[in-house]
Amino acid sequence: MDTLGKQVSRQEGPMAKMIEEQTSKIPSDWYLWAAVTCMAASLTLKIMEKNHTALFVGQWAAPFLLFGIYNKLVKLEGHDEYDK
């Protein structure tokens, strides 16, 4: 419903539905562990003085955490409510 009380149709496209179906199969813990692993690998590379590679690998943590949040939302909310 919009601010005037009218029902607004906002449906997910076929690509988003396909992505949601696949990502909801992956346990949420995997994304957290992937992010922690990236941070540990980045620290290890930094200690080995491979600074550019350490920065590159370290930047993967944030996307993994965002994927985890998306995964959790998909599991909680599922597809668009209008598709049900």
C-alpha atoms as a PDB file:
ATOM      1  CA  MET A   1       0.000   0.000   0.000  1.00  0.00           C
ATOM      2  CA  ASP A   2       1.198   3.486  -0.744  1.00  0.00           C
ATOM      3  CA  THR A   3       0.693   6.581   1.424  1.00  0.00           C
ATOM      4  CA  LEU A   4      -2.819   7.085   0.041  1.00  0.00           C
ATOM      5  CA  GLY A   5      -3.905   3.537   0.878  1.00  0.00           C
ATOM      6  CA  LYS A   6      -3.799   2.265  -2.695  1.00  0.00           C
ATOM      7  CA  GLN A   7      -2.344  -1.181  -3.285  1.00  0.00           C
ATOM      8  CA  VAL A   8       0.854  -0.946  -5.297  1.00  0.00           C
ATOM      9  CA  SER A   9       1.996  -3.922  -7.338  1.00  0.00           C
ATOM     10  CA  ARG A  10       5.716  -4.509  -6.962  1.00  0.00           C
ATOM     11  CA  GLN A  11       6.637  -7.985  -8.028  1.00  0.00           C
ATOM     12  CA  GLU A  12      10.047  -9.572  -8.287  1.00  0.00           C
ATOM     13  CA  GLY A  13      11.337 -10.392 -11.733  1.00  0.00           C
ATOM     14  CA  PRO A  14      12.241 -13.905 -12.825  1.00  0.00           C
ATOM     15  CA  MET A  15      15.980 -13.313 -12.322  1.00  0.00           C
ATOM     16  CA  ALA A  16      15.507 -12.135  -8.722  1.00  0.00           C
ATOM     17  CA  LYS A  17      13.269 -15.128  -7.985  1.00  0.00           C
ATOM     18  CA  MET A  18      15.865 -17.512  -9.376  1.00  0.00           C
ATOM     19  CA  ILE A  19      18.640 -15.890  -7.308  1.00  0.00           C
ATOM     20  CA  GLU A  20      16.492 -16.009  -4.160  1.00  0.00           C
ATOM     21  CA  GLU A  21      15.708 -19.682  -4.689  1.00  0.00           C
ATOM     22  CA  GLN A  22      19.398 -20.543  -5.023  1.00  0.00           C
ATOM     23  CA  THR A  23      20.778 -18.311  -2.257  1.00  0.00           C
ATOM     24  CA  SER A  24      18.170 -19.466   0.261  1.00  0.00           C
ATOM     25  CA  LYS A  25      19.681 -22.969   0.027  1.00  0.00           C
ATOM     26  CA  ILE A  26      23.046 -21.764   1.393  1.00  0.00           C
ATOM     27  CA  PRO A  27      23.380 -21.685   5.202  1.00  0.00           C
ATOM     28  CA  SER A  28      23.830 -18.142   6.521  1.00  0.00           C
ATOM     29  CA  ASP A  29      26.860 -19.227   8.554  1.00  0.00           C
ATOM     30  CA  TRP A  30      28.812 -19.846   5.362  1.00  0.00           C
ATOM     31  CA  TYR A  31      28.797 -16.142   4.483  1.00  0.00           C
ATOM     32  CA  LEU A  32      30.021 -15.201   7.954  1.00  0.00           C
ATOM     33  CA  TRP A  33      32.816 -17.778   7.826  1.00  0.00           C
ATOM     34  CA  ALA A  34      33.767 -16.660   4.316  1.00  0.00           C
ATOM     35  CA  ALA A  35      34.119 -13.073   5.581  1.00  0.00           C
ATOM     36  CA  VAL A  36      36.193 -14.136   8.595  1.00  0.00           C
ATOM     37  CA  THR A  37      38.379 -16.297   6.349  1.00  0.00           C
ATOM     38  CA  CYS A  38      38.989 -13.332   4.045  1.00  0.00           C
ATOM     39  CA  MET A  39      40.010 -11.183   6.978  1.00  0.00           C
ATOM     40  CA  ALA A  40      42.390 -13.869   8.273  1.00  0.00           C
ATOM     41  CA  ALA A  41      43.863 -14.383   4.806  1.00  0.00           C
ATOM     42  CA  SER A  42      44.279 -10.629   4.428  1.00  0.00           C
ATOM     43  CA  LEU A  43      46.090 -10.415   7.764  1.00  0.00           C
ATOM     44  CA  THR A  44      48.344 -13.297   6.785  1.00  0.00           C
ATOM     45  CA  LEU A  45      49.181 -11.633   3.463  1.00  0.00           C
ATOM     46  CA  LYS A  46      49.846  -8.343   5.225  1.00  0.00           C
ATOM     47  CA  ILE A  47      52.285 -10.066   7.609  1.00  0.00           C
ATOM     48  CA  MET A  48      53.967 -11.608   4.549  1.00  0.00           C
ATOM     49  CA  GLU A  49      54.314  -8.032   3.207  1.00  0.00           C
ATOM     50  CA  LYS A  50      52.096  -8.676   0.179  1.00  0.00           C
ATOM     51  CA  ASN A  51      50.251  -5.426   0.747  1.00  0.00           C
ATOM     52  CA  HIS A  52      48.310  -5.087  -2.511  1.00  0.00           C
ATOM     53  CA  THR A  53      47.080  -8.671  -2.393  1.00  0.00           C
ATOM     54  CA  ALA A  54      46.173  -8.262   1.290  1.00  0.00           C
ATOM     55  CA  LEU A  55      44.027  -5.224   0.466  1.00  0.00           C
ATOM     56  CA  PHE A  56      42.394  -7.034  -2.453  1.00  0.00           C
ATOM     57  CA  VAL A  57      41.474 -10.099  -0.376  1.00  0.00           C
ATOM     58  CA  GLY A  58      40.478  -8.000   2.648  1.00  0.00           C
ATOM     59  CA  GLN A  59      37.885  -6.147   0.602  1.00  0.00           C
ATOM     60  CA  TRP A  60      35.975  -9.388  -0.014  1.00  0.00           C
ATOM     61  CA  ALA A  61      34.731  -9.500   3.588  1.00  0.00           C
ATOM     62  CA  ALA A  62      32.121  -6.753   3.178  1.00  0.00           C
ATOM     63  CA  PRO A  63      30.433  -8.308   0.113  1.00  0.00           C
ATOM     64  CA  PHE A  64      30.272 -11.688   1.856  1.00  0.00           C
ATOM     65  CA  LEU A  65      28.591 -10.073   4.863  1.00  0.00           C
ATOM     66  CA  LEU A  66      26.136  -8.283   2.563  1.00  0.00           C
ATOM     67  CA  PHE A  67      25.360 -11.552   0.788  1.00  0.00           C
ATOM     68  CA  GLY A  68      24.707 -13.072   4.210  1.00  0.00           C
ATOM     69  CA  ILE A  69      22.260 -10.301   5.082  1.00  0.00           C
ATOM     70  CA  TYR A  70      20.511 -10.756   1.739  1.00  0.00           C
ATOM     71  CA  ASN A  71      20.396 -14.508   2.322  1.00  0.00           C
ATOM     72  CA  LYS A  72      18.838 -14.029   5.760  1.00  0.00           C
ATOM     73  CA  LEU A  73      16.229 -11.617   4.394  1.00  0.00           C
ATOM     74  CA  VAL A  74      15.310 -14.048   1.635  1.00  0.00           C
ATOM     75  CA  LYS A  75      14.857 -16.814   4.194  1.00  0.00           C
ATOM     76  CA  LEU A  76      12.718 -14.621   6.444  1.00  0.00           C
ATOM     77  CA  GLU A  77      10.633 -12.840   3.842  1.00  0.00           C
ATOM     78  CA  GLY A  78      10.779 -15.078   0.779  1.00  0.00           C
ATOM     79  CA  HIS A  79       9.525 -13.834  -2.532  1.00  0.00           C
ATOM     80  CA  ASP A  80       7.463 -10.733  -2.947  1.00  0.00           C
ATOM     81  CA  GLU A  81       4.274 -10.955  -0.879  1.00  0.00           C
ATOM     82  CA  TYR A  82       2.134 -10.345  -3.967  1.00  0.00           C
ATOM     83  CA  ASP A  83       3.395 -13.579  -5.522  1.00  0.00           C
ATOM     84  CA  LYS A  84       1.981 -15.680  -2.678  1.00  0.00           C
END
